[in-house]
Amino acid sequence: MYRYDQYDHKMLEDRIAQFRDQTRRFLSGDLAPTEFLPLRLQNGLYIQRLAPMLRVAIPYGMLSSTQLRKLAFIADYYDKGYGHFTTRQNIQFNWPALEDVPDILAHLAEVEMHAIQTSGNCIRNTTTDQFAGAAANEIEDSRPYCEIIRQWSTFHPEFAYLPRKFKIAVCGTTDDQAATQVHDIGLYIVRNDAGELGFRVLVGGGLGRTPVIGKEIRAFLPLHELLTYLDAILRVYNREGRRDNKYKARIKILVKETGVDAFRDKVEKEWRAIKGGPLRLTDAEIERCRNYFQDPAYKALPAESTVLKEALSKDVLFASWVAHNVSAHRKSGYAIVTVSMKPTGVAPGDVTSGQMQYLADLADQYSFGEVRISHEQNVILADVEQDALYALWQALRAERLGTANLGLLTDIICCPGGDFCALANAKSIPIAESIQRQFDDQTRLQDIGELSVNISGCMNACGHHHVGNIGILGVDKKGQEFYQISLGGSSDDNAALGQIVGPSFAQEEVPGVMEKIVAVYLRQRGKDERFIDTFNRIGIDPFKEEVYGKAH
């Protein structure tokens, strides 16, 4: 992990002192709400439906056990004993008192954390594959490049007030787990015909009111020109993006209205003027950032574990958990464990202070003191010895963290919705819980197989409902909460936007509608077909007929 230098510590110290004084002046009436608004947003502070909300940055989803324990302390001392992991691999605290926020930021700084650029019209937290550096199918570790982007973008003077918020994702694996194609800029690490590393560059993806899959503007960008090309894209957007209407201010609107070819031409022209300049990465700079992500002290282990093999043969529940929640590691004798934070009855993404403490202890014991957060709102222990998997699973089960539902219907991505967010049209959490309870049978879940469900409480799409195999959107109908359902979305390599089934449903109808959708899939699926495969083959009409009746 990146370790702060003297400059970083001094910068955070000064920043916190500034915000402490700004908060004091606001509370005393010396700063108007409109004057305080941009200042608090720059420090990750929102005003939600019931209380302030503080969003804390977790760069590229990585946390040390020490940092996780600090988050647990903040949850207990300044909040209501829990936090919420987001789809940008960050954590939110929903109940801090405004006057306490400067103190919270000071606590975060003690463990090299902050809330800078987690809100506002700036470059947000760069996300990546949660298995980066450990995945067996990795082309190149994406974390050094995420760190390079983080250092370049933090407090960038030219891009501090963009037309709208800006999100970047980097994928270094052959299978995309970072939803790269629905970001303002999506970067895939690739090799050209000569075997050289570089980036495939996509621009103009995003969800919200106008969902768009990103468009390729460069098939291969040389590795050393990463920042010059990003700078060129941001310059064009900053200059030409709309500022008169926030709903039309994202780069996806600019790309659509300009046309992808014309937009590419503008970027390439800008890039030619700056490529090879001061922002060009040197080998030394790339190596400097790679050195932050050195391998931990791996043991020399055999490829197959006899201990694991025996446990799998004796415990069917453990075998089910391994099949769903354990992934291949690039290092012989190790495995990647994803801890599901989605047991039935728990709001997806919520994590208690006790769970944070417990996970920090497990990270120290089993995974070199490190955890990762995924954009699916789960927790990863990336470096677990295969011999230790059974003991780890038993420890997780003891705290209701051993649910074997990763990638299954109850592994729901969900925003906080109307229970917290002032922007939401409807509640999200009760819908997630009702679906979890409707399908709370492990044998049945396994029979249904891989199926993603994403829920958003409004069109801002923080729950990524557009790219769920089944997407659920909260809508307002004359002051009543209803839910619109879409099918066929995907955030993987073949990213797709879901198609709306039809008119929306009342809250109590949603579990029954889900039953009908699943029933069509089970009747129609071919051998080894996932839900998304069946949908792509038969289309939406059979689902519509089942949900609304043949006369619809």
Protein backbone atom coordinates (compact mmCIF):
# COMPACT_ATOMS: atom_id res chain seq x y z
CA MET A 1 0.00 0.00 0.00
CA TYR A 2 1.04 3.60 -0.56
CA ARG A 3 2.57 5.16 2.54
CA TYR A 4 2.26 8.90 3.09
CA ASP A 5 5.39 11.01 2.97
CA GLN A 6 6.09 14.18 4.94
CA TYR A 7 4.32 16.30 2.33
CA ASP A 8 1.16 14.17 2.50
CA HIS A 9 1.00 14.41 6.29
CA LYS A 10 1.54 18.18 6.25
CA MET A 11 -1.05 18.66 3.52
CA LEU A 12 -3.67 16.74 5.49
CA GLU A 13 -2.81 18.58 8.70
CA ASP A 14 -3.30 21.95 7.00
CA ARG A 15 -6.46 20.80 5.25
CA ILE A 16 -8.07 19.67 8.50
CA ALA A 17 -7.15 22.93 10.24
CA GLN A 18 -8.76 24.88 7.39
CA PHE A 19 -11.96 22.84 7.54
CA ARG A 20 -12.11 23.06 11.33
CA ASP A 21 -12.10 26.86 11.04
CA GLN A 22 -14.62 26.79 8.16
CA THR A 23 -16.96 24.58 10.22
CA ARG A 24 -16.62 26.85 13.25
CA ARG A 25 -17.48 29.90 11.15
CA PHE A 26 -20.48 28.16 9.60
CA LEU A 27 -21.85 27.05 12.98
CA SER A 28 -21.39 30.56 14.37
CA GLY A 29 -23.27 32.08 11.43
CA ASP A 30 -20.24 33.78 9.85
CA LEU A 31 -20.46 31.56 6.75
CA ALA A 32 -23.72 31.27 4.82
CA PRO A 33 -24.95 27.78 3.82
CA THR A 34 -24.21 28.57 0.16
CA GLU A 35 -20.65 29.55 1.09
CA PHE A 36 -20.14 26.45 3.24
CA LEU A 37 -21.56 24.08 0.62
CA PRO A 38 -18.49 23.82 -1.67
CA LEU A 39 -16.18 23.73 1.35
CA ARG A 40 -17.91 20.76 2.95
CA LEU A 41 -18.23 18.92 -0.36
CA GLN A 42 -14.49 19.22 -0.85
CA ASN A 43 -14.16 17.30 2.40
CA GLY A 44 -16.67 14.56 1.62
CA LEU A 45 -19.52 15.95 3.73
CA TYR A 46 -23.11 15.78 2.50
CA ILE A 47 -26.37 16.78 4.17
CA GLN A 48 -28.69 13.80 3.87
CA ARG A 49 -32.35 13.28 4.74
CA LEU A 50 -31.87 12.93 8.50
CA ALA A 51 -28.26 13.87 9.27
CA PRO A 52 -24.90 14.73 7.69
CA MET A 53 -23.14 11.94 5.80
CA LEU A 54 -19.35 11.68 5.59
CA ARG A 55 -17.86 9.69 2.71
CA VAL A 56 -14.34 8.46 3.41
CA ALA A 57 -11.96 7.60 0.57
CA ILE A 58 -10.57 4.08 0.30
CA PRO A 59 -8.17 4.44 -2.65
CA TYR A 60 -8.63 1.55 -5.09
CA GLY A 61 -10.45 -0.30 -2.29
CA MET A 62 -7.42 -1.17 -0.13
CA LEU A 63 -7.32 -0.99 3.67
CA SER A 64 -4.83 -2.08 6.28
CA SER A 65 -6.15 -3.74 9.42
CA THR A 66 -5.05 -0.64 11.36
CA GLN A 67 -7.16 1.58 9.11
CA LEU A 68 -10.15 -0.74 9.42
CA ARG A 69 -9.91 -0.58 13.21
CA LYS A 70 -9.84 3.21 13.03
CA LEU A 71 -13.04 3.12 10.95
CA ALA A 72 -14.58 0.89 13.62
CA PHE A 73 -13.61 3.44 16.27
CA ILE A 74 -15.20 6.26 14.27
CA ALA A 75 -18.38 4.21 13.79
CA ASP A 76 -18.65 3.62 17.53
CA TYR A 77 -17.59 7.01 18.84
CA TYR A 78 -19.06 9.38 16.23
CA ASP A 79 -21.80 7.38 14.50
CA LYS A 80 -24.32 4.66 15.38
CA GLY A 81 -21.96 1.72 15.35
CA TYR A 82 -21.77 0.97 11.64
CA GLY A 83 -20.68 2.23 8.23
CA HIS A 84 -21.74 1.56 4.66
CA PHE A 85 -19.45 0.33 1.87
CA THR A 86 -20.24 1.97 -1.47
CA THR A 87 -19.99 0.97 -5.12
CA ARG A 88 -16.90 3.19 -5.41
CA GLN A 89 -15.08 1.06 -2.83
CA ASN A 90 -15.44 3.84 -0.22
CA ILE A 91 -17.18 3.89 3.17
CA GLN A 92 -19.91 6.26 4.34
CA PHE A 93 -20.90 7.25 7.85
CA ASN A 94 -24.55 8.31 7.95
CA TRP A 95 -24.92 9.87 11.38
CA PRO A 96 -21.95 12.11 12.33
CA ALA A 97 -22.63 15.43 14.01
CA LEU A 98 -21.49 18.34 11.88
CA GLU A 99 -19.37 19.80 14.67
CA ASP A 100 -17.55 16.45 15.03
CA VAL A 101 -16.47 16.10 11.40
CA PRO A 102 -13.12 17.96 11.78
CA ASP A 103 -12.25 15.61 14.65
CA ILE A 104 -13.18 12.60 12.51
CA LEU A 105 -10.93 13.87 9.73
CA ALA A 106 -8.10 14.25 12.25
CA HIS A 107 -8.57 10.64 13.36
CA LEU A 108 -8.51 9.49 9.73
CA ALA A 109 -5.28 11.39 9.12
CA GLU A 110 -3.63 9.46 11.97
CA VAL A 111 -3.90 6.31 9.81
CA GLU A 112 -3.26 8.02 6.45
CA MET A 113 -6.89 8.32 5.38
CA HIS A 114 -9.07 11.24 4.33
CA ALA A 115 -12.35 12.26 2.70
CA ILE A 116 -10.89 14.52 0.01
CA GLN A 117 -12.56 14.46 -3.42
CA THR A 118 -15.20 11.95 -2.41
CA SER A 119 -17.78 14.51 -3.48
CA GLY A 120 -18.05 17.62 -5.62
CA ASN A 121 -17.32 18.22 -9.30
CA CYS A 122 -13.84 16.78 -9.31
CA ILE A 123 -12.04 13.52 -10.10
CA ARG A 124 -13.39 10.99 -7.59
CA ASN A 125 -11.81 7.86 -6.11
CA THR A 126 -10.24 5.71 -8.85
CA THR A 127 -11.59 2.17 -8.64
CA THR A 128 -10.20 -1.14 -9.82
CA ASP A 129 -10.56 -4.89 -9.64
CA GLN A 130 -10.73 -5.98 -6.00
CA PHE A 131 -8.37 -8.89 -6.77
CA ALA A 132 -5.64 -6.66 -8.23
CA GLY A 133 -2.16 -8.01 -7.58
CA ALA A 134 -3.48 -11.43 -6.56
CA ALA A 135 -5.70 -12.59 -9.43
CA ALA A 136 -4.63 -15.62 -11.43
CA ASN A 137 -5.94 -14.02 -14.63
CA GLU A 138 -4.09 -10.74 -14.25
CA ILE A 139 -2.29 -9.09 -17.16
CA GLU A 140 -0.65 -6.51 -14.89
CA ASP A 141 -1.27 -5.21 -11.39
CA SER A 142 -3.51 -2.17 -11.83
CA ARG A 143 -2.90 -0.66 -8.37
CA PRO A 144 0.32 1.27 -9.23
CA TYR A 145 -1.52 3.02 -12.05
CA CYS A 146 -4.47 3.80 -9.78
CA GLU A 147 -1.99 5.35 -7.35
CA ILE A 148 -0.37 7.36 -10.15
CA ILE A 149 -3.82 8.65 -11.13
CA ARG A 150 -4.65 9.42 -7.49
CA GLN A 151 -1.51 11.48 -7.00
CA TRP A 152 -2.02 13.31 -10.29
CA SER A 153 -5.71 14.07 -9.71
CA THR A 154 -5.70 15.04 -6.02
CA PHE A 155 -5.95 18.83 -5.77
CA HIS A 156 -5.31 19.16 -9.51
CA PRO A 157 -5.72 22.94 -9.90
CA GLU A 158 -7.17 22.79 -13.41
CA PHE A 159 -9.72 20.06 -12.64
CA ALA A 160 -10.95 21.10 -9.19
CA TYR A 161 -14.23 22.52 -10.58
CA LEU A 162 -15.23 20.36 -13.52
CA PRO A 163 -18.65 20.63 -15.14
CA ARG A 164 -19.66 17.56 -13.12
CA LYS A 165 -18.18 14.73 -11.03
CA PHE A 166 -15.71 12.48 -12.84
CA LYS A 167 -15.02 8.77 -12.31
CA ILE A 168 -12.15 6.60 -13.57
CA ALA A 169 -11.76 2.81 -13.38
CA VAL A 170 -8.72 0.68 -14.25
CA CYS A 171 -8.91 -3.03 -15.08
CA GLY A 172 -5.79 -5.19 -15.19
CA THR A 173 -7.44 -8.62 -15.42
CA THR A 174 -8.80 -10.56 -18.38
CA ASP A 175 -12.26 -10.63 -16.77
CA ASP A 176 -13.60 -7.20 -15.86
CA GLN A 177 -14.78 -6.95 -12.25
CA ALA A 178 -14.51 -3.16 -12.00
CA ALA A 179 -17.53 -2.13 -14.14
CA THR A 180 -14.94 -0.34 -16.28
CA GLN A 181 -17.24 0.35 -19.22
CA VAL A 182 -19.70 2.49 -17.23
CA HIS A 183 -17.14 5.07 -16.07
CA ASP A 184 -16.32 8.51 -17.44
CA ILE A 185 -12.95 7.01 -18.37
CA GLY A 186 -12.38 3.28 -18.45
CA LEU A 187 -8.83 1.95 -18.76
CA TYR A 188 -8.01 -1.64 -19.68
CA ILE A 189 -4.41 -2.76 -19.32
CA VAL A 190 -3.50 -4.58 -22.55
CA ARG A 191 -0.51 -5.78 -24.54
CA ASN A 192 0.03 -4.86 -28.18
CA ASP A 193 1.35 -7.21 -30.86
CA ALA A 194 4.91 -6.45 -29.74
CA GLY A 195 4.09 -7.51 -26.19
CA GLU A 196 4.31 -3.96 -24.82
CA LEU A 197 2.05 -2.90 -21.97
CA GLY A 198 -0.38 -0.08 -22.52
CA PHE A 199 -4.01 0.95 -22.10
CA ARG A 200 -7.19 0.58 -24.09
CA VAL A 201 -9.07 3.81 -23.40
CA LEU A 202 -12.86 4.16 -23.18
CA VAL A 203 -14.64 7.48 -22.62
CA GLY A 204 -18.18 8.58 -21.90
CA GLY A 205 -19.58 5.69 -19.92
CA GLY A 206 -21.85 6.25 -16.97
CA LEU A 207 -25.22 5.49 -15.42
CA GLY A 208 -27.67 7.93 -13.83
CA ARG A 209 -30.43 9.59 -15.85
CA THR A 210 -28.71 8.86 -19.16
CA PRO A 211 -27.00 5.45 -18.95
CA VAL A 212 -24.27 4.91 -21.55
CA ILE A 213 -21.65 2.26 -22.24
CA GLY A 214 -18.24 3.88 -22.76
CA LYS A 215 -16.83 4.24 -26.27
CA GLU A 216 -13.29 3.29 -27.24
CA ILE A 217 -11.21 6.28 -28.34
CA ARG A 218 -7.83 4.57 -28.31
CA ALA A 219 -7.08 0.87 -28.79
CA PHE A 220 -3.56 1.20 -27.43
CA LEU A 221 -2.05 4.01 -25.38
CA PRO A 222 1.64 3.62 -24.50
CA LEU A 223 2.12 3.05 -20.78
CA HIS A 224 4.26 6.14 -20.26
CA GLU A 225 1.63 8.46 -21.76
CA LEU A 226 -1.12 7.59 -19.26
CA LEU A 227 -1.24 11.00 -17.59
CA THR A 228 -0.72 13.04 -20.73
CA TYR A 229 -3.72 11.34 -22.35
CA LEU A 230 -5.90 11.65 -19.25
CA ASP A 231 -4.94 15.30 -19.06
CA ALA A 232 -5.95 15.79 -22.69
CA ILE A 233 -9.36 14.19 -22.12
CA LEU A 234 -10.00 16.27 -19.01
CA ARG A 235 -8.94 19.49 -20.77
CA VAL A 236 -11.42 18.92 -23.59
CA TYR A 237 -14.18 18.07 -21.13
CA ASN A 238 -13.40 21.00 -18.81
CA ARG A 239 -13.47 23.39 -21.74
CA GLU A 240 -16.49 22.10 -23.61
CA GLY A 241 -18.65 20.29 -21.04
CA ARG A 242 -21.94 22.00 -20.23
CA ARG A 243 -22.24 24.01 -17.02
CA ASP A 244 -25.75 25.39 -17.53
CA ASN A 245 -27.58 22.13 -16.74
CA LYS A 246 -26.17 19.59 -14.26
CA TYR A 247 -28.23 16.82 -15.83
CA LYS A 248 -26.40 17.34 -19.11
CA ALA A 249 -22.96 18.12 -17.71
CA ARG A 250 -21.34 14.67 -17.60
CA ILE A 251 -18.73 13.79 -20.21
CA LYS A 252 -21.04 11.11 -21.64
CA ILE A 253 -23.38 13.88 -22.85
CA LEU A 254 -20.48 15.77 -24.43
CA VAL A 255 -19.26 12.63 -26.21
CA LYS A 256 -22.77 11.83 -27.44
CA GLU A 257 -23.48 15.35 -28.69
CA THR A 258 -20.02 15.78 -30.24
CA GLY A 259 -19.87 12.29 -31.70
CA VAL A 260 -17.23 9.81 -30.61
CA ASP A 261 -15.04 10.35 -33.70
CA ALA A 262 -15.08 14.13 -33.39
CA PHE A 263 -14.44 13.86 -29.66
CA ARG A 264 -11.50 11.54 -30.30
CA ASP A 265 -10.08 14.06 -32.77
CA LYS A 266 -10.29 16.83 -30.18
CA VAL A 267 -8.53 14.69 -27.57
CA GLU A 268 -5.82 13.55 -29.98
CA LYS A 269 -5.17 17.16 -31.04
CA GLU A 270 -4.88 18.23 -27.40
CA TRP A 271 -2.68 15.22 -26.66
CA ARG A 272 -0.26 15.90 -29.50
CA ALA A 273 0.47 19.27 -27.93
CA ILE A 274 1.42 17.79 -24.54
CA LYS A 275 2.55 14.20 -25.16
CA GLY A 276 6.16 13.64 -24.24
CA GLY A 277 5.98 16.65 -21.91
CA PRO A 278 6.41 16.90 -18.12
CA LEU A 279 3.47 14.58 -17.45
CA ARG A 280 5.00 11.72 -19.41
CA LEU A 281 5.71 8.89 -16.98
CA THR A 282 9.30 7.78 -16.63
CA ASP A 283 10.37 4.22 -15.88
CA ALA A 284 11.58 5.47 -12.51
CA GLU A 285 8.19 6.95 -11.63
CA ILE A 286 6.33 3.79 -12.62
CA GLU A 287 8.78 1.71 -10.60
CA ARG A 288 8.38 4.05 -7.62
CA CYS A 289 4.65 3.37 -7.54
CA ARG A 290 5.07 -0.35 -8.22
CA ASN A 291 7.29 -0.54 -5.16
CA TYR A 292 4.32 0.43 -2.97
CA PHE A 293 2.70 -2.87 -3.93
CA GLN A 294 5.40 -5.43 -3.31
CA ASP A 295 4.35 -9.02 -2.66
CA PRO A 296 3.83 -9.90 0.99
CA ALA A 297 5.97 -12.62 2.55
CA TYR A 298 4.43 -15.53 0.68
CA LYS A 299 5.48 -19.03 1.70
CA ALA A 300 6.62 -21.66 -0.79
CA LEU A 301 3.51 -23.85 -0.80
CA PRO A 302 2.38 -26.77 -2.97
CA ALA A 303 -0.23 -26.06 -5.62
CA GLU A 304 -2.75 -28.40 -4.01
CA SER A 305 -3.57 -28.53 -0.31
CA THR A 306 -4.33 -31.93 1.18
CA VAL A 307 -5.84 -30.17 4.21
CA LEU A 308 -8.26 -28.30 1.93
CA LYS A 309 -9.07 -31.40 -0.08
CA GLU A 310 -9.99 -33.33 3.06
CA ALA A 311 -12.16 -30.52 4.43
CA LEU A 312 -14.01 -30.21 1.11
CA SER A 313 -14.81 -33.92 1.11
CA LYS A 314 -16.13 -33.90 4.69
CA ASP A 315 -18.16 -30.66 4.87
CA VAL A 316 -20.71 -29.92 2.15
CA LEU A 317 -21.47 -26.42 3.50
CA PHE A 318 -17.80 -25.51 3.41
CA ALA A 319 -17.54 -26.90 -0.12
CA SER A 320 -20.44 -24.68 -1.19
CA TRP A 321 -18.75 -21.61 0.32
CA VAL A 322 -15.46 -22.42 -1.43
CA ALA A 323 -17.26 -22.86 -4.75
CA HIS A 324 -18.88 -19.43 -4.51
CA ASN A 325 -16.64 -17.25 -2.37
CA VAL A 326 -13.09 -18.45 -3.06
CA SER A 327 -11.16 -17.50 -6.21
CA ALA A 328 -7.91 -18.65 -7.77
CA HIS A 329 -4.72 -16.91 -6.68
CA ARG A 330 -1.68 -16.33 -8.88
CA LYS A 331 0.57 -17.69 -6.11
CA SER A 332 0.78 -21.42 -5.56
CA GLY A 333 -0.93 -22.59 -2.37
CA TYR A 334 -2.93 -19.38 -1.81
CA ALA A 335 -6.53 -18.37 -2.46
CA ILE A 336 -8.61 -15.17 -2.62
CA VAL A 337 -11.56 -15.07 -0.22
CA THR A 338 -14.55 -12.79 -0.68
CA VAL A 339 -16.49 -12.25 2.52
CA SER A 340 -20.16 -11.67 1.73
CA MET A 341 -21.65 -8.74 3.64
CA LYS A 342 -25.13 -9.81 2.48
CA PRO A 343 -26.67 -12.26 4.96
CA THR A 344 -30.47 -12.17 4.87
CA GLY A 345 -31.88 -9.28 6.88
CA VAL A 346 -28.80 -7.07 6.64
CA ALA A 347 -28.74 -3.96 4.44
CA PRO A 348 -26.29 -4.66 1.58
CA GLY A 349 -23.01 -2.87 2.20
CA ASP A 350 -23.62 -2.17 5.88
CA VAL A 351 -20.82 -3.21 8.23
CA THR A 352 -20.90 -2.90 12.00
CA SER A 353 -18.01 -1.69 14.12
CA GLY A 354 -17.79 -5.17 15.63
CA GLN A 355 -17.52 -6.72 12.17
CA MET A 356 -14.81 -4.23 11.24
CA GLN A 357 -12.81 -5.15 14.31
CA TYR A 358 -13.34 -8.85 13.65
CA LEU A 359 -12.37 -8.59 9.98
CA ALA A 360 -9.24 -6.64 10.96
CA ASP A 361 -8.28 -9.46 13.32
CA LEU A 362 -8.89 -12.06 10.60
CA ALA A 363 -6.84 -10.00 8.14
CA ASP A 364 -3.94 -10.00 10.57
CA GLN A 365 -4.25 -13.73 11.14
CA TYR A 366 -4.91 -14.92 7.61
CA SER A 367 -4.10 -12.24 5.00
CA PHE A 368 -1.02 -10.17 5.89
CA GLY A 369 -3.07 -7.47 7.64
CA GLU A 370 -4.88 -6.26 4.53
CA VAL A 371 -8.48 -6.15 3.29
CA ARG A 372 -10.07 -4.98 0.06
CA ILE A 373 -13.53 -3.54 -0.65
CA SER A 374 -15.28 -4.51 -3.88
CA HIS A 375 -17.69 -2.37 -5.88
CA GLU A 376 -20.21 -5.12 -5.08
CA GLN A 377 -19.96 -3.93 -1.43
CA ASN A 378 -18.21 -7.05 -0.14
CA VAL A 379 -14.87 -7.54 1.68
CA ILE A 380 -11.88 -9.44 0.31
CA LEU A 381 -9.04 -11.22 2.07
CA ALA A 382 -6.74 -11.53 -0.92
CA ASP A 383 -3.86 -13.71 0.33
CA VAL A 384 -5.15 -16.69 2.32
CA GLU A 385 -3.26 -19.98 2.51
CA GLN A 386 -5.36 -22.83 1.17
CA ASP A 387 -4.55 -24.83 4.31
CA ALA A 388 -6.22 -22.10 6.39
CA LEU A 389 -9.47 -21.79 4.42
CA TYR A 390 -11.51 -24.15 6.60
CA ALA A 391 -10.46 -22.42 9.83
CA LEU A 392 -11.18 -19.02 8.27
CA TRP A 393 -14.63 -20.13 7.12
CA GLN A 394 -15.47 -21.38 10.60
CA ALA A 395 -14.35 -18.07 12.08
CA LEU A 396 -16.49 -16.16 9.55
CA ARG A 397 -19.55 -18.31 10.23
CA ALA A 398 -19.29 -17.57 13.93
CA GLU A 399 -20.05 -13.90 13.14
CA ARG A 400 -22.59 -14.45 10.31
CA LEU A 401 -19.98 -13.59 7.70
CA GLY A 402 -19.78 -17.01 6.06
CA THR A 403 -22.73 -16.70 3.67
CA ALA A 404 -22.05 -18.67 0.48
CA ASN A 405 -24.01 -16.39 -1.86
CA LEU A 406 -21.35 -14.53 -3.83
CA GLY A 407 -22.69 -13.88 -7.35
CA LEU A 408 -26.08 -15.36 -6.47
CA LEU A 409 -29.46 -13.66 -6.33
CA THR A 410 -29.19 -12.50 -2.70
CA ASP A 411 -25.74 -10.91 -3.21
CA ILE A 412 -27.57 -7.67 -3.93
CA ILE A 413 -25.93 -4.34 -4.73
CA CYS A 414 -28.02 -1.63 -3.09
CA CYS A 415 -27.76 2.09 -2.32
CA PRO A 416 -28.94 3.48 1.07
CA GLY A 417 -32.08 4.80 -0.65
CA GLY A 418 -34.87 6.79 0.96
CA ASP A 419 -33.97 5.67 4.47
CA PHE A 420 -31.03 8.07 4.33
CA CYS A 421 -30.57 9.88 1.01
CA ALA A 422 -32.35 13.17 0.38
CA LEU A 423 -32.28 12.53 -3.37
CA ALA A 424 -34.03 9.16 -3.27
CA ASN A 425 -37.56 8.69 -4.59
CA ALA A 426 -38.05 5.44 -2.70
CA LYS A 427 -36.50 3.15 -0.11
CA SER A 428 -34.02 0.54 -1.34
CA ILE A 429 -33.08 -1.42 1.78
CA PRO A 430 -36.56 -2.90 2.48
CA ILE A 431 -36.77 -4.10 -1.14
CA ALA A 432 -33.40 -5.83 -0.84
CA GLU A 433 -34.48 -7.49 2.40
CA SER A 434 -37.80 -8.68 0.97
CA ILE A 435 -35.99 -10.29 -1.98
CA GLN A 436 -33.43 -11.90 0.31
CA ARG A 437 -36.19 -13.39 2.44
CA GLN A 438 -38.13 -14.59 -0.61
CA PHE A 439 -35.09 -16.54 -1.84
CA ASP A 440 -33.57 -17.48 1.52
CA ASP A 441 -32.81 -21.10 0.61
CA GLN A 442 -29.24 -22.05 -0.26
CA THR A 443 -30.17 -25.08 -2.37
CA ARG A 444 -32.58 -23.01 -4.41
CA LEU A 445 -30.10 -20.17 -4.82
CA GLN A 446 -27.50 -22.58 -6.16
CA ASP A 447 -30.00 -24.04 -8.60
CA ILE A 448 -30.83 -20.55 -9.91
CA GLY A 449 -27.13 -19.86 -10.23
CA GLU A 450 -25.31 -16.68 -11.18
CA LEU A 451 -27.69 -13.72 -11.20
CA SER A 452 -26.98 -10.11 -10.22
CA VAL A 453 -29.62 -7.88 -8.65
CA ASN A 454 -28.97 -4.14 -8.34
CA ILE A 455 -31.26 -1.66 -6.56
CA SER A 456 -31.23 2.15 -6.72
CA GLY A 457 -33.52 4.52 -4.88
CA CYS A 458 -33.42 7.13 -7.64
CA MET A 459 -32.16 7.84 -11.16
CA ASN A 460 -28.71 8.77 -9.88
CA ALA A 461 -28.14 5.00 -9.96
CA CYS A 462 -25.78 4.66 -7.00
CA GLY A 463 -26.90 1.01 -6.88
CA HIS A 464 -25.95 0.53 -10.56
CA HIS A 465 -29.44 -0.78 -11.38
CA HIS A 466 -28.90 -0.26 -15.11
CA VAL A 467 -26.24 -3.00 -15.22
CA GLY A 468 -27.88 -5.58 -12.96
CA ASN A 469 -29.14 -8.75 -14.62
CA ILE A 470 -32.25 -7.65 -12.76
CA GLY A 471 -32.30 -3.94 -11.99
CA ILE A 472 -34.76 -2.27 -9.64
CA LEU A 473 -35.30 1.50 -9.58
CA GLY A 474 -37.33 3.37 -6.99
CA VAL A 475 -39.75 5.88 -8.56
CA ASP A 476 -42.29 8.33 -7.21
CA LYS A 477 -45.91 8.04 -8.37
CA LYS A 478 -48.04 10.79 -6.90
CA GLY A 479 -46.20 10.64 -3.60
CA GLN A 480 -46.18 6.83 -3.43
CA GLU A 481 -43.09 4.62 -3.69
CA PHE A 482 -43.07 2.28 -6.69
CA TYR A 483 -40.38 0.18 -8.35
CA GLN A 484 -39.47 -0.11 -12.02
CA ILE A 485 -37.77 -3.35 -13.08
CA SER A 486 -35.30 -3.85 -15.92
CA LEU A 487 -33.69 -7.02 -17.25
CA GLY A 488 -30.54 -7.91 -19.15
CA GLY A 489 -28.01 -5.49 -17.69
CA SER A 490 -24.39 -6.50 -17.17
CA SER A 491 -21.21 -4.82 -15.96
CA ASP A 492 -18.72 -7.47 -17.09
CA ASP A 493 -16.70 -7.67 -20.33
CA ASN A 494 -19.91 -7.66 -22.36
CA ALA A 495 -21.42 -4.69 -20.56
CA ALA A 496 -25.07 -4.00 -21.32
CA LEU A 497 -27.85 -1.73 -20.10
CA GLY A 498 -31.03 -3.36 -18.85
CA GLN A 499 -34.35 -3.10 -20.70
CA ILE A 500 -37.38 -1.86 -18.75
CA VAL A 501 -39.99 -4.60 -18.41
CA GLY A 502 -42.97 -2.24 -18.19
CA PRO A 503 -45.03 -0.29 -15.65
CA SER A 504 -43.70 -0.12 -12.10
CA PHE A 505 -44.81 -2.14 -9.09
CA ALA A 506 -45.79 -1.41 -5.50
CA GLN A 507 -43.31 -2.45 -2.81
CA GLU A 508 -45.32 -5.51 -1.72
CA GLU A 509 -45.46 -6.78 -5.31
CA VAL A 510 -41.72 -6.89 -5.93
CA PRO A 511 -40.92 -10.32 -4.39
CA GLY A 512 -43.73 -11.94 -6.40
CA VAL A 513 -42.53 -10.29 -9.60
CA MET A 514 -39.04 -11.59 -8.91
CA GLU A 515 -40.51 -15.09 -8.55
CA LYS A 516 -42.15 -14.82 -11.96
CA ILE A 517 -38.94 -13.57 -13.61
CA VAL A 518 -36.92 -16.40 -12.11
CA ALA A 519 -39.59 -18.93 -13.11
CA VAL A 520 -39.31 -17.89 -16.78
CA TYR A 521 -35.56 -18.28 -16.63
CA LEU A 522 -35.71 -21.73 -15.04
CA ARG A 523 -38.20 -22.94 -17.66
CA GLN A 524 -36.30 -21.51 -20.60
CA ARG A 525 -32.64 -21.93 -19.71
CA GLY A 526 -30.40 -24.20 -21.73
CA LYS A 527 -27.61 -26.36 -20.42
CA ASP A 528 -25.14 -24.38 -18.28
CA GLU A 529 -26.87 -21.09 -19.19
CA ARG A 530 -26.72 -18.22 -16.74
CA PHE A 531 -29.68 -15.87 -16.39
CA ILE A 532 -28.00 -13.27 -18.63
CA ASP A 533 -27.31 -15.90 -21.32
CA THR A 534 -30.94 -17.01 -21.36
CA PHE A 535 -32.17 -13.43 -21.46
CA ASN A 536 -29.90 -12.58 -24.38
CA ARG A 537 -31.18 -15.64 -26.25
CA ILE A 538 -34.95 -15.33 -25.68
CA GLY A 539 -35.32 -11.57 -25.19
CA ILE A 540 -37.62 -9.67 -22.87
CA ASP A 541 -41.06 -10.68 -24.22
CA PRO A 542 -41.42 -14.01 -22.35
CA PHE A 543 -40.67 -12.19 -19.09
CA LYS A 544 -43.21 -9.46 -19.88
CA GLU A 545 -45.90 -12.05 -20.62
CA GLU A 546 -45.25 -13.82 -17.33
CA VAL A 547 -45.17 -10.65 -15.24
CA TYR A 548 -48.13 -8.78 -16.76
CA GLY A 549 -50.14 -11.52 -18.50
CA LYS A 550 -50.35 -12.37 -22.17
CA ALA A 551 -52.79 -9.52 -22.89
CA HIS A 552 -50.19 -6.91 -21.95
